[in-house]
Amino acid sequence: MSPSPFSSLHKDMASEILARVPKRLYPILACFSKNLRSLVRSPDIHKIRSLLRKDSLYICFMHKSGGVHTPHWFTLRRTENKPPSEKNHFVSVVVNLAFPDPNEHMPSIIACGPEIFFISGSLVPSSTVWIFDSRTGVSRQGPSMNEERLFKSVGLVGSKIYVVEGYVDDEIHQAESFDVKNESWEHAPRPELESSFLATANVSLDRKVCALMSVAEITVCYDTRDGSCEVFGLPKDKWWRTGVCVIDNVLYVYYARFGLMWYDTELKLWRVVTGLDDLKKVRSVAMAEYYGKMAFLWRDFAVVGGVMKEVWCRMIALDRSEEGINGTAESGQLMGSVPRGYRLQHCLSVSE
């Protein structure tokens, strides 16, 4: 393989260039050379992107009233001219989406670059797809899936969104992928495992779409290359649907009793992230990658005025060594308050 063109550039110059490359391309760049892999994972890249305000989080709270589920969206993003303790700005935003089916209040949601994809088919079979552009605040209906889906898992691998439908009523498994660049659907390898893919949470790991199931306490990972499936257990305790994320191809799940845990794919066992003994023991949490660190958000149990709950955030740096993964948490920042009945539903990393 020929040397990377970035190898001849000064590290600072290479970082300035790569910080302006769409973040969704970083996994591809990391495959070309060790030099590029080191550059796209370096703190310098995240610092420059932070100054450019390239990334943000979209957090969705769901509120049920009179049998109607209403989503309420907030963003977490960098702001200028603020002291370090106030540099992350938490603000309510409007995500305009009108699903044709009034029962479609819990679509599968996934982010790719600056766009958020809403894929129907949670309570009733559907093939509808909506796309929200975070840059313009405009939503549009995307190309429909080839088949109506139900009981599915959704994951992003490279520039393709995979939708994997589970085994229901003796029907065969089905899967298809959506090419984000060409906005077209095509059939994907059929999952070999005869099991439901109705998951509490979904992540992408090692080119696989992984369905985490709280009821069965297992994770089922569908390999997008050949349809093969791997199954491994989850620790036997309660976890929250948004308390799951993947950072640098490592799966993390937060448990109120055990703390922050990660799955060691080599040893095939769950391990505790060390160094986080002072992390507040809470249950309703949300986690996502944010400028190279983990953004750890939670609703405080302390009720404000009897009807509101505080939303707090701590940034956690994660360092991996031969011994395991150690976390270093920054001081907590009060982001704001939400009504007591709001439940965390989604937490998405959105980037340019």
Protein backbone atom coordinates (compact mmCIF):
# COMPACT_ATOMS: atom_id res chain seq x y z
CA MET A 1 0.00 0.00 0.00
CA SER A 2 1.35 3.43 -0.93
CA PRO A 3 2.08 5.85 1.94
CA SER A 4 -0.68 8.19 3.03
CA PRO A 5 -0.45 11.72 1.54
CA PHE A 6 -0.91 12.99 5.09
CA SER A 7 2.36 11.35 6.18
CA SER A 8 4.31 14.15 4.51
CA LEU A 9 2.31 16.88 6.25
CA HIS A 10 2.98 18.33 9.67
CA LYS A 11 0.62 16.79 12.21
CA ASP A 12 -1.06 20.13 12.95
CA MET A 13 -1.75 20.76 9.26
CA ALA A 14 -3.08 17.24 8.74
CA SER A 15 -5.38 17.65 11.77
CA GLU A 16 -6.73 20.96 10.44
CA ILE A 17 -7.62 19.30 7.14
CA LEU A 18 -9.13 16.12 8.58
CA ALA A 19 -11.21 18.09 11.10
CA ARG A 20 -13.13 19.49 8.13
CA VAL A 21 -13.80 16.07 6.58
CA PRO A 22 -17.29 14.69 7.32
CA LYS A 23 -17.02 12.61 10.48
CA ARG A 24 -18.98 9.71 8.97
CA LEU A 25 -15.93 9.06 6.74
CA TYR A 26 -13.49 8.63 9.65
CA PRO A 27 -13.97 4.82 9.95
CA ILE A 28 -13.13 4.50 6.24
CA LEU A 29 -10.05 6.73 6.53
CA ALA A 30 -8.87 4.71 9.54
CA CYS A 31 -8.66 1.61 7.34
CA PHE A 32 -6.11 3.11 4.94
CA SER A 33 -3.09 3.40 7.24
CA LYS A 34 -1.98 3.44 10.86
CA ASN A 35 -1.08 7.10 10.43
CA LEU A 36 -4.60 8.07 9.37
CA ARG A 37 -6.13 5.88 12.06
CA SER A 38 -4.03 7.67 14.68
CA LEU A 39 -4.93 11.10 13.28
CA VAL A 40 -8.72 10.63 13.15
CA ARG A 41 -8.70 9.31 16.74
CA SER A 42 -6.43 11.99 18.16
CA PRO A 43 -7.64 14.59 20.70
CA ASP A 44 -6.42 17.31 18.32
CA ILE A 45 -9.11 16.44 15.78
CA HIS A 46 -11.86 16.64 18.41
CA LYS A 47 -10.52 19.95 19.74
CA ILE A 48 -10.55 21.54 16.28
CA ARG A 49 -14.02 20.19 15.50
CA SER A 50 -15.17 21.59 18.83
CA LEU A 51 -13.86 25.06 17.93
CA LEU A 52 -15.61 24.76 14.56
CA ARG A 53 -18.79 23.58 16.35
CA LYS A 54 -19.12 20.67 13.92
CA ASP A 55 -20.93 18.19 16.17
CA SER A 56 -24.00 18.15 18.38
CA LEU A 57 -26.29 15.76 20.20
CA TYR A 58 -30.01 15.42 19.62
CA ILE A 59 -31.88 14.22 22.70
CA CYS A 60 -35.53 13.16 22.55
CA PHE A 61 -37.86 13.03 25.56
CA MET A 62 -41.23 11.33 25.18
CA HIS A 63 -44.29 12.57 27.06
CA LYS A 64 -47.54 10.60 27.29
CA SER A 65 -50.75 12.44 28.03
CA GLY A 66 -54.29 11.22 27.42
CA GLY A 67 -52.94 8.18 25.56
CA VAL A 68 -51.01 10.40 23.10
CA HIS A 69 -47.21 10.18 22.90
CA THR A 70 -45.51 13.48 22.08
CA PRO A 71 -41.76 13.75 21.37
CA HIS A 72 -39.83 16.78 22.62
CA TRP A 73 -36.37 17.37 21.15
CA PHE A 74 -33.34 19.17 22.61
CA THR A 75 -29.82 19.74 21.33
CA LEU A 76 -26.52 19.80 23.15
CA ARG A 77 -23.90 21.82 21.29
CA ARG A 78 -20.86 24.02 21.74
CA THR A 79 -21.28 27.80 22.11
CA GLU A 80 -18.82 30.65 21.68
CA ASN A 81 -17.55 33.09 24.29
CA LYS A 82 -18.61 30.99 27.25
CA PRO A 83 -16.58 29.90 30.29
CA PRO A 84 -15.62 26.18 30.33
CA SER A 85 -18.42 25.39 32.81
CA GLU A 86 -21.04 26.73 30.37
CA LYS A 87 -19.59 25.75 26.99
CA ASN A 88 -22.25 23.10 26.32
CA HIS A 89 -25.60 24.66 25.46
CA PHE A 90 -28.79 22.63 25.98
CA VAL A 91 -31.80 24.05 24.14
CA SER A 92 -35.22 22.90 22.96
CA VAL A 93 -35.58 22.54 19.18
CA VAL A 94 -38.43 21.78 16.81
CA VAL A 95 -38.20 18.60 14.74
CA ASN A 96 -41.16 18.77 12.38
CA LEU A 97 -42.33 15.32 11.42
CA ALA A 98 -45.87 14.26 10.61
CA PHE A 99 -46.22 10.49 10.32
CA PRO A 100 -49.18 9.35 8.20
CA ASP A 101 -50.00 6.67 10.77
CA PRO A 102 -51.09 8.21 14.09
CA ASN A 103 -49.94 5.03 15.89
CA GLU A 104 -46.35 5.53 14.69
CA HIS A 105 -45.01 7.27 17.79
CA MET A 106 -41.91 5.08 18.22
CA PRO A 107 -40.13 4.70 14.85
CA SER A 108 -36.57 3.43 14.65
CA ILE A 109 -34.31 6.47 14.61
CA ILE A 110 -30.70 6.71 13.46
CA ALA A 111 -28.34 9.55 12.53
CA CYS A 112 -25.92 9.65 9.62
CA GLY A 113 -23.88 12.83 9.27
CA PRO A 114 -26.17 15.86 9.67
CA GLU A 115 -29.36 13.90 8.93
CA ILE A 116 -31.67 11.92 11.18
CA PHE A 117 -33.63 9.02 9.66
CA PHE A 118 -37.03 7.99 11.04
CA ILE A 119 -37.92 4.46 9.90
CA SER A 120 -41.50 3.38 10.54
CA GLY A 121 -42.75 -0.03 11.58
CA SER A 122 -42.88 -0.28 15.36
CA LEU A 123 -46.52 -1.10 16.11
CA VAL A 124 -47.86 -1.77 12.62
CA PRO A 125 -46.05 -2.93 9.45
CA SER A 126 -44.78 0.01 7.42
CA SER A 127 -42.22 0.92 4.77
CA THR A 128 -42.27 4.70 5.33
CA VAL A 129 -39.05 6.67 5.87
CA TRP A 130 -38.67 10.31 6.89
CA ILE A 131 -35.43 12.31 6.85
CA PHE A 132 -34.72 15.36 9.02
CA ASP A 133 -31.86 17.69 8.01
CA SER A 134 -30.40 19.25 11.17
CA ARG A 135 -28.70 22.02 9.16
CA THR A 136 -31.91 23.41 7.68
CA GLY A 137 -34.51 22.10 10.14
CA VAL A 138 -36.48 20.71 7.18
CA SER A 139 -37.97 17.22 6.96
CA ARG A 140 -38.72 15.26 3.81
CA GLN A 141 -40.13 11.86 3.00
CA GLY A 142 -37.43 9.49 1.80
CA PRO A 143 -37.67 6.47 -0.52
CA SER A 144 -39.83 3.73 0.98
CA MET A 145 -38.35 0.37 1.93
CA ASN A 146 -38.86 -2.53 -0.46
CA GLU A 147 -41.07 -4.29 2.10
CA GLU A 148 -43.23 -3.24 5.02
CA ARG A 149 -41.32 -3.98 8.22
CA LEU A 150 -42.23 -4.92 11.79
CA PHE A 151 -40.14 -6.00 14.81
CA LYS A 152 -36.89 -4.74 13.32
CA SER A 153 -33.43 -3.51 14.24
CA VAL A 154 -31.64 -0.65 12.54
CA GLY A 155 -27.92 0.12 12.34
CA LEU A 156 -25.44 2.23 10.39
CA VAL A 157 -22.44 0.50 8.79
CA GLY A 158 -20.28 2.74 6.62
CA SER A 159 -22.63 4.82 4.49
CA LYS A 160 -25.47 2.30 4.58
CA ILE A 161 -28.40 1.98 6.98
CA TYR A 162 -29.39 -1.64 7.55
CA VAL A 163 -32.90 -2.71 8.56
CA VAL A 164 -33.12 -6.27 9.90
CA GLU A 165 -36.55 -7.79 10.42
CA GLY A 166 -37.06 -10.53 12.98
CA TYR A 167 -38.53 -13.99 12.78
CA VAL A 168 -42.29 -13.61 13.29
CA ASP A 169 -45.08 -16.17 12.81
CA ASP A 170 -42.91 -18.59 10.77
CA GLU A 171 -42.08 -15.91 8.19
CA ILE A 172 -38.55 -15.87 6.83
CA HIS A 173 -36.02 -13.32 7.95
CA GLN A 174 -35.52 -10.29 5.78
CA ALA A 175 -33.01 -7.47 5.65
CA GLU A 176 -32.27 -4.56 3.37
CA SER A 177 -29.91 -1.62 3.27
CA PHE A 178 -30.29 2.03 2.37
CA ASP A 179 -27.40 3.75 0.58
CA VAL A 180 -27.32 7.23 2.10
CA LYS A 181 -25.39 8.67 -0.86
CA ASN A 182 -27.67 7.33 -3.60
CA GLU A 183 -30.83 7.22 -1.45
CA SER A 184 -31.74 3.77 -2.71
CA TRP A 185 -32.77 0.50 -1.04
CA GLU A 186 -31.40 -2.95 -1.87
CA HIS A 187 -31.72 -6.41 -0.36
CA ALA A 188 -29.12 -7.43 2.24
CA PRO A 189 -28.01 -10.95 3.30
CA ARG A 190 -30.76 -12.87 5.04
CA PRO A 191 -30.17 -13.24 8.82
CA GLU A 192 -29.41 -16.85 9.67
CA LEU A 193 -30.80 -16.68 13.21
CA GLU A 194 -34.47 -17.50 13.72
CA SER A 195 -35.13 -14.99 16.47
CA SER A 196 -37.00 -11.76 16.97
CA PHE A 197 -35.04 -8.56 16.34
CA LEU A 198 -37.41 -6.47 18.46
CA ALA A 199 -34.78 -4.71 20.57
CA THR A 200 -34.75 -2.30 23.48
CA ALA A 201 -31.75 -0.56 21.88
CA ASN A 202 -29.70 -0.88 18.68
CA VAL A 203 -26.03 -0.17 17.98
CA SER A 204 -23.49 -0.83 15.22
CA LEU A 205 -20.34 -2.75 16.17
CA ASP A 206 -17.65 -4.41 14.01
CA ARG A 207 -19.71 -4.00 10.82
CA LYS A 208 -22.63 -5.63 12.59
CA VAL A 209 -26.10 -4.44 13.56
CA CYS A 210 -26.59 -5.37 17.22
CA ALA A 211 -29.98 -5.65 18.90
CA LEU A 212 -29.84 -5.36 22.71
CA MET A 213 -32.84 -7.04 24.32
CA SER A 214 -33.58 -6.23 27.95
CA VAL A 215 -36.25 -8.92 28.36
CA ALA A 216 -34.10 -11.84 27.15
CA GLU A 217 -30.90 -10.22 28.53
CA ILE A 218 -29.04 -10.96 25.30
CA THR A 219 -27.46 -9.12 22.38
CA VAL A 220 -27.92 -10.44 18.84
CA CYS A 221 -25.42 -9.12 16.26
CA TYR A 222 -26.20 -9.45 12.54
CA ASP A 223 -23.16 -9.40 10.25
CA THR A 224 -23.95 -7.21 7.26
CA ARG A 225 -21.46 -9.08 5.08
CA ASP A 226 -22.96 -12.57 5.13
CA GLY A 227 -26.01 -12.56 7.41
CA SER A 228 -24.34 -14.64 10.13
CA CYS A 229 -25.42 -13.86 13.69
CA GLU A 230 -23.60 -13.81 17.02
CA VAL A 231 -25.34 -13.92 20.40
CA PHE A 232 -23.89 -12.91 23.76
CA GLY A 233 -25.45 -12.22 27.14
CA LEU A 234 -26.04 -8.98 29.01
CA PRO A 235 -25.37 -8.49 32.73
CA LYS A 236 -28.46 -9.45 34.71
CA ASP A 237 -29.66 -6.08 35.95
CA LYS A 238 -31.76 -3.10 34.88
CA TRP A 239 -30.52 -0.71 32.18
CA TRP A 240 -32.15 2.18 30.33
CA ARG A 241 -32.69 2.15 26.55
CA THR A 242 -30.64 5.33 26.03
CA GLY A 243 -27.88 4.16 28.38
CA VAL A 244 -26.13 2.40 25.48
CA CYS A 245 -23.54 3.64 22.98
CA VAL A 246 -20.52 2.67 20.89
CA ILE A 247 -17.32 4.74 20.96
CA ASP A 248 -14.21 3.73 19.00
CA ASN A 249 -15.88 0.39 18.24
CA VAL A 250 -16.42 -0.44 21.92
CA LEU A 251 -19.92 -1.17 23.25
CA TYR A 252 -20.83 0.54 26.55
CA VAL A 253 -23.92 -0.05 28.70
CA TYR A 254 -24.70 1.76 31.95
CA TYR A 255 -26.14 -0.11 34.94
CA ALA A 256 -27.18 1.74 38.09
CA ARG A 257 -25.88 -1.13 40.23
CA PHE A 258 -22.65 -1.98 38.39
CA GLY A 259 -21.83 1.39 36.83
CA LEU A 260 -20.50 1.93 33.30
CA MET A 261 -19.57 -1.37 31.63
CA TRP A 262 -17.95 -2.31 28.33
CA TYR A 263 -17.93 -5.52 26.32
CA ASP A 264 -14.52 -7.08 25.73
CA THR A 265 -14.89 -8.74 22.31
CA GLU A 266 -11.60 -10.65 22.72
CA LEU A 267 -12.38 -12.17 26.12
CA LYS A 268 -16.12 -12.19 25.36
CA LEU A 269 -17.14 -10.83 28.74
CA TRP A 270 -18.46 -7.63 30.31
CA ARG A 271 -16.02 -5.49 32.29
CA VAL A 272 -16.47 -2.39 34.47
CA VAL A 273 -14.93 0.92 33.37
CA THR A 274 -12.59 1.87 36.23
CA GLY A 275 -12.06 5.33 37.72
CA LEU A 276 -15.73 6.33 37.88
CA ASP A 277 -16.56 5.60 41.51
CA ASP A 278 -17.95 9.12 41.95
CA LEU A 279 -20.36 8.80 39.01
CA LYS A 280 -23.87 9.43 40.30
CA LYS A 281 -25.93 6.24 40.59
CA VAL A 282 -28.97 7.00 38.46
CA ARG A 283 -31.30 4.99 36.23
CA SER A 284 -32.69 7.32 33.55
CA VAL A 285 -29.56 8.13 31.55
CA ALA A 286 -28.47 8.90 27.99
CA MET A 287 -25.01 8.36 26.50
CA ALA A 288 -23.37 9.30 23.19
CA GLU A 289 -19.98 10.16 21.73
CA TYR A 290 -19.32 13.91 21.80
CA TYR A 291 -16.00 15.35 20.57
CA GLY A 292 -14.10 12.19 21.45
CA LYS A 293 -15.60 11.82 24.91
CA MET A 294 -18.74 10.22 26.26
CA ALA A 295 -21.54 12.64 27.07
CA PHE A 296 -23.32 11.14 30.09
CA LEU A 297 -26.71 12.78 30.74
CA TRP A 298 -29.26 12.05 33.41
CA ARG A 299 -32.41 13.40 35.02
CA ASP A 300 -31.84 14.24 38.65
CA PHE A 301 -34.26 12.73 41.13
CA ALA A 302 -34.39 16.08 42.95
CA VAL A 303 -37.67 17.61 41.77
CA VAL A 304 -37.57 21.33 41.06
CA GLY A 305 -40.77 23.05 42.17
CA GLY A 306 -42.57 19.71 42.30
CA VAL A 307 -43.21 19.48 38.55
CA MET A 308 -39.76 19.76 36.90
CA LYS A 309 -36.61 17.62 36.90
CA GLU A 310 -33.07 18.81 36.30
CA VAL A 311 -31.03 17.52 33.36
CA TRP A 312 -27.32 17.12 34.14
CA CYS A 313 -24.34 16.17 31.99
CA ARG A 314 -20.78 14.95 32.63
CA MET A 315 -18.15 14.45 29.95
CA ILE A 316 -16.13 11.24 30.38
CA ALA A 317 -12.73 10.63 28.76
CA LEU A 318 -12.12 6.94 28.07
CA ASP A 319 -8.58 5.54 27.90
CA ARG A 320 -7.93 1.94 26.90
CA SER A 321 -4.85 -0.01 27.95
CA GLU A 322 -3.85 -3.66 28.30
CA GLU A 323 -5.51 -3.68 31.73
CA GLY A 324 -8.89 -2.42 30.47
CA ILE A 325 -10.66 0.92 30.08
CA ASN A 326 -10.34 3.75 32.57
CA GLY A 327 -12.75 6.70 32.68
CA THR A 328 -12.07 10.25 33.82
CA ALA A 329 -15.23 12.29 34.41
CA GLU A 330 -15.36 16.07 34.28
CA SER A 331 -17.48 18.04 36.75
CA GLY A 332 -21.22 17.85 36.21
CA GLN A 333 -22.98 20.66 34.37
CA LEU A 334 -26.63 21.55 34.94
CA MET A 335 -28.15 21.75 31.46
CA GLY A 336 -31.70 22.78 32.30
CA SER A 337 -35.02 21.32 33.42
CA VAL A 338 -37.82 19.30 31.84
CA PRO A 339 -41.31 18.39 33.10
CA ARG A 340 -41.33 15.46 35.48
CA GLY A 341 -43.22 13.18 33.07
CA TYR A 342 -40.62 13.43 30.28
CA ARG A 343 -38.87 10.10 29.58
CA LEU A 344 -35.56 9.80 27.70
CA GLN A 345 -36.24 8.08 24.39
CA HIS A 346 -33.31 8.76 22.03
CA CYS A 347 -29.81 10.25 22.12
CA LEU A 348 -28.08 10.74 18.76
CA SER A 349 -24.68 12.09 17.69
CA VAL A 350 -25.14 14.41 14.71
CA SER A 351 -22.16 15.75 12.78
CA GLU A 352 -21.25 17.63 9.63
